[in-house]
Amino acid sequence: MKKLLFFLLFIAMGFDSGLCFAEAPNQVAGFQLGADISDYKNRVDMTTALPIRYAESITEVEIKKTDLLSSGLIAYGTCAAPGKVVRVKLKYADSGRDFYDKLLAHFDKKFGKPDEWRGDPFHIVVAWKWSFVDKSKNRISLILQHNKQDTDEKIGNTIKLTMTDAVDRERQCYDKSHPEVSESRSEKAPVQLDWNLLVPR
């Protein structure tokens, strides 16, 4: 009886945490989380490398276009684990909704139903998120998105695979080595609002 109760409690905790029990993915289109960016020197354009704003210890570099991928950004750390890939963002060459629906079906079959809706209420942006924990206890998020209208978002079909813990470690490393930046972000003086500047006239 105790074993049964323990098993049921374990299952309940898994559902409450919103974490997928499927094996955690760590790569897509040949780009792998945790790999060294130098492994992809023939697949990325290092002249495009730029640090991410407000996440200065992470740099993004553009991939080279292929028949299946129209664009993409590979993010890697420069502080906690220099050169190690922490996120892969890719745009598929096929931007159609039919392609997205077929791709989503393959995702559902492999990983189960998504954990979270990340699109908008009107389904102009269709986005689903899966959350995983890998064998090394790293949190990994996977987002598949379709967008044909919202210009504030990437147009077309995109995928984002992120090792969340690695991103957090990079930010913590940067804040620790740049305490003045961290303090200035947390100690901003209250803003005095001038409504005349904010309201159209």
N, C-alpha and C. Protein backbone atom coordinates (compact mmCIF):
# COMPACT_ATOMS: atom_id res chain seq x y z
N MET A 1 0.83 -1.21 0.00
CA MET A 1 0.00 0.00 0.00
C MET A 1 0.87 1.26 0.00
N LYS A 2 1.92 1.25 0.83
CA LYS A 2 2.81 2.41 0.89
C LYS A 2 3.49 2.65 -0.45
N LYS A 3 3.89 1.54 -1.12
CA LYS A 3 4.53 1.68 -2.42
C LYS A 3 3.57 2.29 -3.44
N LEU A 4 2.30 1.89 -3.38
CA LEU A 4 1.31 2.43 -4.29
C LEU A 4 1.10 3.92 -4.05
N LEU A 5 1.02 4.31 -2.78
CA LEU A 5 0.84 5.73 -2.44
C LEU A 5 2.03 6.54 -2.89
N PHE A 6 3.23 6.00 -2.71
CA PHE A 6 4.45 6.70 -3.13
C PHE A 6 4.46 6.90 -4.65
N PHE A 7 4.04 5.84 -5.39
CA PHE A 7 4.01 5.92 -6.84
C PHE A 7 3.01 6.97 -7.31
N LEU A 8 1.82 6.98 -6.70
CA LEU A 8 0.80 7.95 -7.08
C LEU A 8 1.25 9.37 -6.76
N LEU A 9 1.94 9.54 -5.63
CA LEU A 9 2.46 10.86 -5.25
C LEU A 9 3.51 11.32 -6.25
N PHE A 10 4.36 10.39 -6.68
CA PHE A 10 5.40 10.71 -7.66
C PHE A 10 4.80 11.18 -8.98
N ILE A 11 3.75 10.46 -9.42
CA ILE A 11 3.07 10.83 -10.66
C ILE A 11 2.43 12.21 -10.53
N ALA A 12 1.78 12.45 -9.40
CA ALA A 12 1.12 13.75 -9.18
C ALA A 12 2.12 14.88 -9.19
N MET A 13 3.28 14.66 -8.57
CA MET A 13 4.32 15.70 -8.54
C MET A 13 4.80 15.99 -9.95
N GLY A 14 4.90 14.93 -10.76
CA GLY A 14 5.35 15.13 -12.14
C GLY A 14 4.38 15.97 -12.93
N PHE A 15 3.08 15.73 -12.78
CA PHE A 15 2.10 16.53 -13.50
C PHE A 15 2.06 17.95 -12.99
N ASP A 16 2.20 18.14 -11.67
CA ASP A 16 2.16 19.48 -11.11
C ASP A 16 3.34 20.32 -11.58
N SER A 17 4.49 19.68 -11.77
CA SER A 17 5.67 20.44 -12.14
C SER A 17 5.63 20.90 -13.58
N GLY A 18 4.76 20.31 -14.40
CA GLY A 18 4.67 20.69 -15.79
C GLY A 18 5.86 20.22 -16.60
N LEU A 19 6.56 19.17 -16.14
CA LEU A 19 7.75 18.69 -16.82
C LEU A 19 7.42 17.41 -17.58
N CYS A 20 7.90 17.33 -18.82
CA CYS A 20 7.63 16.18 -19.66
C CYS A 20 8.42 14.96 -19.18
N PHE A 21 7.78 13.76 -19.21
CA PHE A 21 8.47 12.54 -18.86
C PHE A 21 9.19 11.95 -20.08
N ALA A 22 8.90 12.45 -21.28
CA ALA A 22 9.61 11.97 -22.46
C ALA A 22 11.08 12.34 -22.34
N GLU A 23 11.91 11.59 -23.07
CA GLU A 23 13.35 11.88 -23.04
C GLU A 23 13.60 13.29 -23.52
N ALA A 24 14.39 14.04 -22.77
CA ALA A 24 14.63 15.44 -23.07
C ALA A 24 15.44 15.59 -24.36
N PRO A 25 14.96 16.39 -25.30
CA PRO A 25 15.73 16.63 -26.52
C PRO A 25 16.89 17.57 -26.22
N ASN A 26 17.99 17.41 -26.93
CA ASN A 26 19.12 18.32 -26.74
C ASN A 26 19.73 18.79 -28.05
N GLN A 27 19.08 18.46 -29.17
CA GLN A 27 19.61 18.93 -30.44
C GLN A 27 18.50 18.99 -31.48
N VAL A 28 18.71 19.84 -32.47
CA VAL A 28 17.79 19.95 -33.59
C VAL A 28 18.60 20.40 -34.81
N ALA A 29 18.31 19.79 -35.95
CA ALA A 29 18.99 20.11 -37.21
C ALA A 29 20.51 20.00 -37.10
N GLY A 30 20.99 19.14 -36.20
CA GLY A 30 22.42 18.94 -36.06
C GLY A 30 23.10 19.90 -35.11
N PHE A 31 22.37 20.85 -34.53
CA PHE A 31 22.92 21.78 -33.54
C PHE A 31 22.56 21.26 -32.14
N GLN A 32 23.57 21.06 -31.30
CA GLN A 32 23.35 20.42 -30.00
C GLN A 32 23.64 21.37 -28.85
N LEU A 33 22.73 21.37 -27.87
CA LEU A 33 22.95 22.13 -26.64
C LEU A 33 24.16 21.56 -25.91
N GLY A 34 25.01 22.45 -25.39
CA GLY A 34 26.19 22.01 -24.66
C GLY A 34 27.40 21.77 -25.52
N ALA A 35 27.22 21.71 -26.85
CA ALA A 35 28.35 21.53 -27.76
C ALA A 35 29.12 22.84 -27.85
N ASP A 36 30.34 22.78 -28.37
CA ASP A 36 31.14 23.99 -28.53
C ASP A 36 30.80 24.65 -29.86
N ILE A 37 30.67 25.96 -29.85
CA ILE A 37 30.29 26.68 -31.05
C ILE A 37 31.31 26.45 -32.17
N SER A 38 32.55 26.15 -31.81
CA SER A 38 33.58 25.90 -32.82
C SER A 38 33.28 24.64 -33.63
N ASP A 39 32.46 23.75 -33.07
CA ASP A 39 32.08 22.55 -33.81
C ASP A 39 31.26 22.88 -35.04
N TYR A 40 30.68 24.09 -35.08
CA TYR A 40 29.79 24.49 -36.16
C TYR A 40 30.37 25.61 -37.01
N LYS A 41 31.69 25.73 -37.01
CA LYS A 41 32.33 26.83 -37.73
C LYS A 41 31.99 26.85 -39.22
N ASN A 42 31.66 25.69 -39.78
CA ASN A 42 31.30 25.62 -41.19
C ASN A 42 29.81 25.83 -41.43
N ARG A 43 29.04 25.92 -40.34
CA ARG A 43 27.59 26.05 -40.47
C ARG A 43 27.06 27.40 -39.97
N VAL A 44 27.94 28.20 -39.37
CA VAL A 44 27.54 29.52 -38.88
C VAL A 44 28.47 30.58 -39.46
N ASP A 45 28.01 31.82 -39.41
CA ASP A 45 28.81 32.95 -39.87
C ASP A 45 29.29 33.72 -38.65
N MET A 46 30.52 33.46 -38.20
CA MET A 46 31.02 34.06 -36.97
C MET A 46 31.18 35.57 -37.07
N THR A 47 31.18 36.13 -38.28
CA THR A 47 31.27 37.58 -38.41
C THR A 47 29.97 38.26 -37.94
N THR A 48 28.90 37.48 -37.74
CA THR A 48 27.63 38.05 -37.29
C THR A 48 27.46 37.98 -35.78
N ALA A 49 28.45 37.44 -35.08
CA ALA A 49 28.34 37.22 -33.63
C ALA A 49 28.15 38.54 -32.88
N LEU A 50 27.11 38.58 -32.04
CA LEU A 50 26.81 39.77 -31.23
C LEU A 50 26.29 39.34 -29.87
N PRO A 51 26.72 40.02 -28.79
CA PRO A 51 26.15 39.72 -27.46
C PRO A 51 24.69 40.13 -27.40
N ILE A 52 23.90 39.41 -26.63
CA ILE A 52 22.49 39.70 -26.49
C ILE A 52 22.30 40.86 -25.52
N ARG A 53 21.47 41.80 -25.87
CA ARG A 53 21.21 42.94 -25.00
C ARG A 53 20.57 42.48 -23.70
N TYR A 54 21.09 42.97 -22.58
CA TYR A 54 20.64 42.62 -21.23
C TYR A 54 20.97 41.18 -20.85
N ALA A 55 21.72 40.50 -21.71
CA ALA A 55 22.23 39.16 -21.38
C ALA A 55 23.62 39.07 -21.99
N GLU A 56 24.49 39.98 -21.53
CA GLU A 56 25.76 40.23 -22.18
C GLU A 56 26.72 39.05 -22.20
N SER A 57 26.50 38.07 -21.33
CA SER A 57 27.40 36.91 -21.30
C SER A 57 26.97 35.83 -22.29
N ILE A 58 25.95 36.13 -23.08
CA ILE A 58 25.49 35.19 -24.12
C ILE A 58 25.59 35.88 -25.48
N THR A 59 26.22 35.22 -26.42
CA THR A 59 26.40 35.74 -27.77
C THR A 59 25.62 34.90 -28.76
N GLU A 60 25.02 35.57 -29.74
CA GLU A 60 24.28 34.88 -30.79
C GLU A 60 25.00 35.02 -32.13
N VAL A 61 24.97 33.96 -32.91
CA VAL A 61 25.58 33.98 -34.23
C VAL A 61 24.59 33.39 -35.23
N GLU A 62 24.56 33.93 -36.43
CA GLU A 62 23.63 33.47 -37.46
C GLU A 62 24.12 32.18 -38.12
N ILE A 63 23.17 31.30 -38.44
CA ILE A 63 23.53 30.10 -39.19
C ILE A 63 23.55 30.43 -40.68
N LYS A 64 24.16 29.53 -41.44
CA LYS A 64 24.14 29.66 -42.88
C LYS A 64 22.87 28.98 -43.41
N LYS A 65 22.23 29.63 -44.34
CA LYS A 65 20.96 29.14 -44.89
C LYS A 65 21.15 27.77 -45.55
N THR A 66 20.13 26.92 -45.39
CA THR A 66 20.12 25.61 -46.05
C THR A 66 18.80 25.42 -46.76
N ASP A 67 18.63 24.28 -47.42
CA ASP A 67 17.37 24.01 -48.12
C ASP A 67 16.21 23.88 -47.14
N LEU A 68 16.48 23.44 -45.91
CA LEU A 68 15.43 23.20 -44.93
C LEU A 68 15.28 24.34 -43.93
N LEU A 69 16.32 25.16 -43.78
CA LEU A 69 16.31 26.25 -42.80
C LEU A 69 16.62 27.57 -43.49
N SER A 70 15.71 28.53 -43.33
CA SER A 70 15.92 29.82 -43.99
C SER A 70 16.79 30.76 -43.16
N SER A 71 16.82 30.55 -41.84
CA SER A 71 17.65 31.38 -40.97
C SER A 71 17.70 30.74 -39.59
N GLY A 72 18.52 31.32 -38.73
CA GLY A 72 18.61 30.79 -37.37
C GLY A 72 19.69 31.48 -36.57
N LEU A 73 19.59 31.37 -35.26
CA LEU A 73 20.57 31.96 -34.35
C LEU A 73 21.00 30.90 -33.34
N ILE A 74 22.30 30.74 -33.17
CA ILE A 74 22.85 29.84 -32.18
C ILE A 74 23.45 30.70 -31.06
N ALA A 75 22.97 30.49 -29.84
CA ALA A 75 23.45 31.28 -28.69
C ALA A 75 24.43 30.45 -27.88
N TYR A 76 25.54 31.07 -27.48
CA TYR A 76 26.54 30.37 -26.68
C TYR A 76 27.06 31.28 -25.57
N GLY A 77 27.51 30.65 -24.51
CA GLY A 77 27.98 31.40 -23.35
C GLY A 77 29.39 31.95 -23.54
N THR A 78 29.70 32.98 -22.77
CA THR A 78 31.04 33.57 -22.80
C THR A 78 31.60 33.77 -21.39
N CYS A 79 30.90 33.27 -20.36
CA CYS A 79 31.33 33.51 -18.99
C CYS A 79 31.40 32.21 -18.19
N ALA A 80 30.28 31.63 -17.85
CA ALA A 80 30.25 30.40 -17.05
C ALA A 80 30.82 29.21 -17.82
N ALA A 81 30.47 29.11 -19.08
CA ALA A 81 30.96 28.02 -19.94
C ALA A 81 31.22 28.59 -21.33
N PRO A 82 32.35 29.27 -21.49
CA PRO A 82 32.65 29.95 -22.77
C PRO A 82 32.58 29.01 -23.97
N GLY A 83 31.83 29.45 -24.97
CA GLY A 83 31.74 28.71 -26.22
C GLY A 83 30.68 27.63 -26.25
N LYS A 84 30.07 27.32 -25.12
CA LYS A 84 29.09 26.23 -25.08
C LYS A 84 27.70 26.73 -25.50
N VAL A 85 27.06 25.98 -26.38
CA VAL A 85 25.74 26.36 -26.91
C VAL A 85 24.68 26.23 -25.82
N VAL A 86 23.89 27.30 -25.64
CA VAL A 86 22.83 27.30 -24.63
C VAL A 86 21.44 27.39 -25.25
N ARG A 87 21.36 27.81 -26.52
CA ARG A 87 20.03 27.92 -27.16
C ARG A 87 20.19 27.82 -28.67
N VAL A 88 19.20 27.18 -29.28
CA VAL A 88 19.13 27.07 -30.74
C VAL A 88 17.79 27.60 -31.20
N LYS A 89 17.81 28.63 -32.05
CA LYS A 89 16.58 29.19 -32.62
C LYS A 89 16.67 29.08 -34.14
N LEU A 90 15.71 28.38 -34.74
CA LEU A 90 15.76 28.14 -36.18
C LEU A 90 14.43 28.47 -36.83
N LYS A 91 14.52 28.95 -38.07
CA LYS A 91 13.32 29.20 -38.87
C LYS A 91 13.32 28.22 -40.04
N TYR A 92 12.24 27.44 -40.13
CA TYR A 92 12.13 26.46 -41.20
C TYR A 92 11.91 27.17 -42.54
N ALA A 93 12.41 26.56 -43.61
CA ALA A 93 12.25 27.15 -44.94
C ALA A 93 10.78 27.19 -45.36
N ASP A 94 10.02 26.18 -44.94
CA ASP A 94 8.59 26.12 -45.24
C ASP A 94 7.83 26.92 -44.18
N SER A 95 7.17 27.99 -44.59
CA SER A 95 6.45 28.87 -43.65
C SER A 95 4.96 28.57 -43.56
N GLY A 96 4.51 27.53 -44.25
CA GLY A 96 3.08 27.25 -44.31
C GLY A 96 2.49 26.64 -43.04
N ARG A 97 1.20 26.88 -42.85
CA ARG A 97 0.50 26.33 -41.68
C ARG A 97 0.38 24.81 -41.80
N ASP A 98 0.22 24.30 -43.00
CA ASP A 98 0.11 22.85 -43.18
C ASP A 98 1.40 22.16 -42.72
N PHE A 99 2.53 22.74 -43.05
CA PHE A 99 3.82 22.19 -42.60
C PHE A 99 3.90 22.22 -41.08
N TYR A 100 3.45 23.32 -40.48
CA TYR A 100 3.49 23.45 -39.03
C TYR A 100 2.63 22.38 -38.36
N ASP A 101 1.43 22.17 -38.88
CA ASP A 101 0.52 21.19 -38.29
C ASP A 101 1.11 19.78 -38.37
N LYS A 102 1.77 19.45 -39.49
CA LYS A 102 2.40 18.14 -39.63
C LYS A 102 3.58 18.02 -38.65
N LEU A 103 4.35 19.08 -38.53
CA LEU A 103 5.48 19.09 -37.61
C LEU A 103 5.02 18.94 -36.18
N LEU A 104 3.93 19.64 -35.83
CA LEU A 104 3.37 19.55 -34.49
C LEU A 104 2.92 18.13 -34.18
N ALA A 105 2.36 17.47 -35.15
CA ALA A 105 1.92 16.08 -34.96
C ALA A 105 3.12 15.18 -34.65
N HIS A 106 4.24 15.41 -35.32
CA HIS A 106 5.45 14.64 -35.05
C HIS A 106 5.98 14.93 -33.64
N PHE A 107 5.90 16.20 -33.24
CA PHE A 107 6.34 16.58 -31.89
C PHE A 107 5.46 15.88 -30.84
N ASP A 108 4.14 15.90 -31.07
CA ASP A 108 3.21 15.27 -30.13
C ASP A 108 3.50 13.78 -30.00
N LYS A 109 3.80 13.16 -31.13
CA LYS A 109 4.06 11.72 -31.12
C LYS A 109 5.34 11.40 -30.35
N LYS A 110 6.34 12.24 -30.49
CA LYS A 110 7.64 11.98 -29.86
C LYS A 110 7.69 12.42 -28.40
N PHE A 111 7.08 13.58 -28.09
CA PHE A 111 7.22 14.16 -26.76
C PHE A 111 5.93 14.20 -25.94
N GLY A 112 4.82 13.80 -26.54
CA GLY A 112 3.55 13.93 -25.86
C GLY A 112 2.96 15.31 -26.08
N LYS A 113 1.78 15.54 -25.53
CA LYS A 113 1.13 16.83 -25.70
C LYS A 113 1.94 17.93 -25.01
N PRO A 114 1.89 19.16 -25.56
CA PRO A 114 2.66 20.27 -24.96
C PRO A 114 2.21 20.57 -23.53
N ASP A 115 3.08 21.22 -22.79
CA ASP A 115 2.80 21.58 -21.40
C ASP A 115 2.13 22.95 -21.28
N GLU A 116 2.33 23.79 -22.30
CA GLU A 116 1.88 25.18 -22.13
C GLU A 116 1.60 25.83 -23.48
N TRP A 117 0.50 26.60 -23.53
CA TRP A 117 0.19 27.42 -24.69
C TRP A 117 0.96 28.72 -24.60
N ARG A 118 1.73 29.08 -25.64
CA ARG A 118 2.51 30.30 -25.62
C ARG A 118 2.10 31.28 -26.72
N GLY A 119 1.02 30.97 -27.44
CA GLY A 119 0.55 31.88 -28.47
C GLY A 119 -0.38 32.93 -27.91
N ASP A 120 -1.01 33.72 -28.78
CA ASP A 120 -1.92 34.76 -28.35
C ASP A 120 -3.36 34.22 -28.32
N PRO A 121 -4.27 34.94 -27.66
CA PRO A 121 -5.65 34.45 -27.53
C PRO A 121 -6.38 34.29 -28.87
N PHE A 122 -5.94 35.03 -29.89
CA PHE A 122 -6.63 34.99 -31.18
C PHE A 122 -6.00 34.00 -32.15
N HIS A 123 -4.96 33.31 -31.71
CA HIS A 123 -4.26 32.31 -32.52
C HIS A 123 -3.64 32.91 -33.78
N ILE A 124 -3.30 34.20 -33.72
CA ILE A 124 -2.52 34.80 -34.80
C ILE A 124 -1.10 34.23 -34.73
N VAL A 125 -0.58 34.15 -33.49
CA VAL A 125 0.67 33.44 -33.23
C VAL A 125 0.31 32.13 -32.55
N VAL A 126 0.64 31.02 -33.19
CA VAL A 126 0.37 29.70 -32.64
C VAL A 126 1.69 29.16 -32.08
N ALA A 127 1.74 28.95 -30.78
CA ALA A 127 2.99 28.51 -30.17
C ALA A 127 2.73 27.58 -29.00
N TRP A 128 3.43 26.46 -29.00
CA TRP A 128 3.31 25.48 -27.93
C TRP A 128 4.67 25.23 -27.30
N LYS A 129 4.64 24.99 -25.99
CA LYS A 129 5.89 24.78 -25.25
C LYS A 129 5.88 23.44 -24.52
N TRP A 130 7.01 22.75 -24.59
CA TRP A 130 7.27 21.55 -23.80
C TRP A 130 8.38 21.86 -22.81
N SER A 131 8.31 21.29 -21.62
CA SER A 131 9.36 21.47 -20.61
C SER A 131 9.90 20.10 -20.20
N PHE A 132 11.21 20.00 -20.08
CA PHE A 132 11.86 18.74 -19.77
C PHE A 132 12.93 18.93 -18.69
N VAL A 133 13.34 17.82 -18.10
CA VAL A 133 14.55 17.77 -17.27
C VAL A 133 15.36 16.60 -17.80
N ASP A 134 16.63 16.85 -18.19
CA ASP A 134 17.43 15.77 -18.75
C ASP A 134 18.08 14.92 -17.67
N LYS A 135 18.89 13.96 -18.06
CA LYS A 135 19.50 13.03 -17.12
C LYS A 135 20.46 13.72 -16.16
N SER A 136 20.97 14.88 -16.55
CA SER A 136 21.88 15.64 -15.69
C SER A 136 21.15 16.70 -14.88
N LYS A 137 19.82 16.62 -14.84
CA LYS A 137 18.96 17.54 -14.09
C LYS A 137 18.91 18.94 -14.68
N ASN A 138 19.30 19.09 -15.94
CA ASN A 138 19.20 20.38 -16.61
C ASN A 138 17.78 20.59 -17.13
N ARG A 139 17.24 21.78 -16.92
CA ARG A 139 15.93 22.11 -17.46
C ARG A 139 16.07 22.52 -18.92
N ILE A 140 15.21 21.97 -19.75
CA ILE A 140 15.24 22.27 -21.18
C ILE A 140 13.84 22.64 -21.64
N SER A 141 13.74 23.71 -22.40
CA SER A 141 12.44 24.12 -22.94
C SER A 141 12.47 24.03 -24.45
N LEU A 142 11.32 23.67 -25.01
CA LEU A 142 11.17 23.52 -26.45
C LEU A 142 9.90 24.25 -26.87
N ILE A 143 10.03 25.19 -27.80
CA ILE A 143 8.88 25.96 -28.28
C ILE A 143 8.79 25.86 -29.79
N LEU A 144 7.61 25.47 -30.27
CA LEU A 144 7.35 25.40 -31.71
C LEU A 144 6.28 26.44 -32.03
N GLN A 145 6.58 27.31 -32.99
CA GLN A 145 5.71 28.47 -33.25
C GLN A 145 5.41 28.65 -34.73
N HIS A 146 4.17 29.08 -35.00
CA HIS A 146 3.75 29.47 -36.35
C HIS A 146 3.19 30.88 -36.29
N ASN A 147 3.64 31.73 -37.20
CA ASN A 147 3.19 33.12 -37.22
C ASN A 147 3.20 33.63 -38.66
N LYS A 148 2.07 34.15 -39.10
CA LYS A 148 1.98 34.69 -40.45
C LYS A 148 1.63 36.18 -40.49
N GLN A 149 1.28 36.76 -39.33
CA GLN A 149 0.78 38.13 -39.35
C GLN A 149 1.48 39.09 -38.40
N ASP A 150 1.84 38.62 -37.20
CA ASP A 150 2.38 39.52 -36.19
C ASP A 150 3.83 39.86 -36.50
N THR A 151 4.07 41.09 -36.94
CA THR A 151 5.42 41.50 -37.34
C THR A 151 6.34 41.71 -36.14
N ASP A 152 5.78 41.71 -34.93
CA ASP A 152 6.62 41.81 -33.75
C ASP A 152 7.27 40.46 -33.41
N GLU A 153 6.78 39.41 -34.04
CA GLU A 153 7.32 38.07 -33.85
C GLU A 153 7.95 37.60 -35.16
N LYS A 154 8.76 36.55 -35.06
CA LYS A 154 9.37 35.97 -36.25
C LYS A 154 8.28 35.40 -37.15
N ILE A 155 8.26 35.81 -38.41
CA ILE A 155 7.26 35.33 -39.35
C ILE A 155 7.63 33.92 -39.82
N GLY A 156 6.63 33.04 -39.95
CA GLY A 156 6.86 31.70 -40.44
C GLY A 156 6.85 30.67 -39.33
N ASN A 157 7.51 29.55 -39.56
CA ASN A 157 7.58 28.45 -38.60
C ASN A 157 8.95 28.40 -37.94
N THR A 158 8.96 28.46 -36.63
CA THR A 158 10.23 28.53 -35.91
C THR A 158 10.24 27.54 -34.75
N ILE A 159 11.46 27.17 -34.35
CA ILE A 159 11.66 26.32 -33.19
C ILE A 159 12.72 26.95 -32.30
N LYS A 160 12.51 26.85 -31.00
CA LYS A 160 13.50 27.35 -30.04
C LYS A 160 13.74 26.27 -28.99
N LEU A 161 14.98 25.82 -28.91
CA LEU A 161 15.39 24.80 -27.95
C LEU A 161 16.42 25.43 -27.02
N THR A 162 16.11 25.45 -25.72
CA THR A 162 16.93 26.19 -24.75
C THR A 162 17.27 25.33 -23.55
N MET A 163 18.55 25.37 -23.15
CA MET A 163 18.94 24.78 -21.88
C MET A 163 18.84 25.91 -20.84
N THR A 164 17.71 25.96 -20.16
CA THR A 164 17.38 27.08 -19.27
C THR A 164 18.41 27.27 -18.17
N ASP A 165 18.88 26.18 -17.58
CA ASP A 165 19.85 26.28 -16.49
C ASP A 165 21.16 26.89 -16.98
N ALA A 166 21.58 26.54 -18.20
CA ALA A 166 22.82 27.08 -18.75
C ALA A 166 22.69 28.59 -18.97
N VAL A 167 21.53 29.03 -19.45
CA VAL A 167 21.28 30.46 -19.63
C VAL A 167 21.35 31.17 -18.28
N ASP A 168 20.72 30.58 -17.26
CA ASP A 168 20.75 31.17 -15.92
C ASP A 168 22.17 31.27 -15.38
N ARG A 169 22.97 30.22 -15.60
CA ARG A 169 24.36 30.23 -15.11
C ARG A 169 25.17 31.32 -15.79
N GLU A 170 24.92 31.55 -17.07
CA GLU A 170 25.64 32.61 -17.78
C GLU A 170 25.28 33.98 -17.21
N ARG A 171 24.02 34.21 -16.94
CA ARG A 171 23.60 35.50 -16.40
C ARG A 171 24.15 35.71 -14.99
N GLN A 172 24.12 34.67 -14.18
CA GLN A 172 24.66 34.76 -12.83
C GLN A 172 26.16 35.03 -12.86
N CYS A 173 26.86 34.38 -13.77
CA CYS A 173 28.30 34.58 -13.91
C CYS A 173 28.61 36.02 -14.29
N TYR A 174 27.84 36.57 -15.22
CA TYR A 174 28.07 37.95 -15.65
C TYR A 174 27.80 38.92 -14.51
N ASP A 175 26.69 38.71 -13.80
CA ASP A 175 26.36 39.60 -12.68
C ASP A 175 27.43 39.55 -11.60
N LYS A 176 27.99 38.37 -11.36
CA LYS A 176 29.01 38.22 -10.33
C LYS A 176 30.30 38.93 -10.73
N SER A 177 30.65 38.88 -12.01
CA SER A 177 31.88 39.52 -12.48
C SER A 177 31.68 40.99 -12.83
N HIS A 178 30.43 41.45 -12.86
CA HIS A 178 30.12 42.86 -13.12
C HIS A 178 29.11 43.35 -12.08
N PRO A 179 29.53 43.41 -10.81
CA PRO A 179 28.59 43.81 -9.74
C PRO A 179 28.01 45.20 -9.92
N GLU A 180 28.78 46.09 -10.55
CA GLU A 180 28.28 47.44 -10.75
C GLU A 180 27.08 47.47 -11.68
N VAL A 181 27.06 46.58 -12.68
CA VAL A 181 25.93 46.51 -13.61
C VAL A 181 24.72 45.92 -12.90
N SER A 182 24.95 44.87 -12.12
CA SER A 182 23.86 44.22 -11.39
C SER A 182 23.22 45.18 -10.40
N GLU A 183 24.05 45.96 -9.69
CA GLU A 183 23.52 46.90 -8.70
C GLU A 183 22.74 48.02 -9.37
N SER A 184 23.25 48.51 -10.51
CA SER A 184 22.55 49.61 -11.19
C SER A 184 21.19 49.17 -11.69
N ARG A 185 21.05 47.89 -12.05
CA ARG A 185 19.76 47.38 -12.53
C ARG A 185 18.77 47.26 -11.39
N SER A 186 19.26 46.91 -10.21
CA SER A 186 18.36 46.66 -9.08
C SER A 186 18.09 47.91 -8.25
N GLU A 187 18.87 48.96 -8.46
CA GLU A 187 18.74 50.16 -7.62
C GLU A 187 18.32 51.38 -8.43
N LYS A 188 17.48 51.17 -9.42
CA LYS A 188 17.00 52.29 -10.22
C LYS A 188 16.04 53.14 -9.40
N ALA A 189 16.23 54.46 -9.48
CA ALA A 189 15.36 55.38 -8.76
C ALA A 189 13.97 55.39 -9.38
N PRO A 190 12.93 55.60 -8.58
CA PRO A 190 11.57 55.66 -9.12
C PRO A 190 11.45 56.72 -10.21
N VAL A 191 10.76 56.39 -11.26
CA VAL A 191 10.61 57.31 -12.37
C VAL A 191 9.47 58.28 -12.10
N GLN A 192 9.74 59.57 -12.31
CA GLN A 192 8.70 60.59 -12.19
C GLN A 192 8.01 60.72 -13.54
N LEU A 193 6.75 60.31 -13.59
CA LEU A 193 6.04 60.29 -14.86
C LEU A 193 5.59 61.68 -15.29
N ASP A 194 5.89 62.00 -16.54
CA ASP A 194 5.40 63.24 -17.15
C ASP A 194 4.35 62.81 -18.18
N TRP A 195 3.08 62.90 -17.78
CA TRP A 195 2.01 62.41 -18.63
C TRP A 195 1.89 63.19 -19.93
N ASN A 196 2.37 64.42 -19.94
CA ASN A 196 2.33 65.22 -21.17
C ASN A 196 3.20 64.61 -22.26
N LEU A 197 4.25 63.91 -21.84
CA LEU A 197 5.14 63.27 -22.81
C LEU A 197 4.62 61.91 -23.25
N LEU A 198 3.81 61.30 -22.42
CA LEU A 198 3.38 59.93 -22.68
C LEU A 198 2.05 59.85 -23.43
N VAL A 199 1.22 60.87 -23.32
CA VAL A 199 -0.09 60.85 -23.95
C VAL A 199 -0.05 61.64 -25.27
N PRO A 200 -0.52 61.04 -26.37
CA PRO A 200 -0.52 61.77 -27.66
C PRO A 200 -1.34 63.04 -27.57
N ARG A 201 -0.96 64.02 -28.34
CA ARG A 201 -1.74 65.27 -28.39
C ARG A 201 -1.63 65.89 -29.77
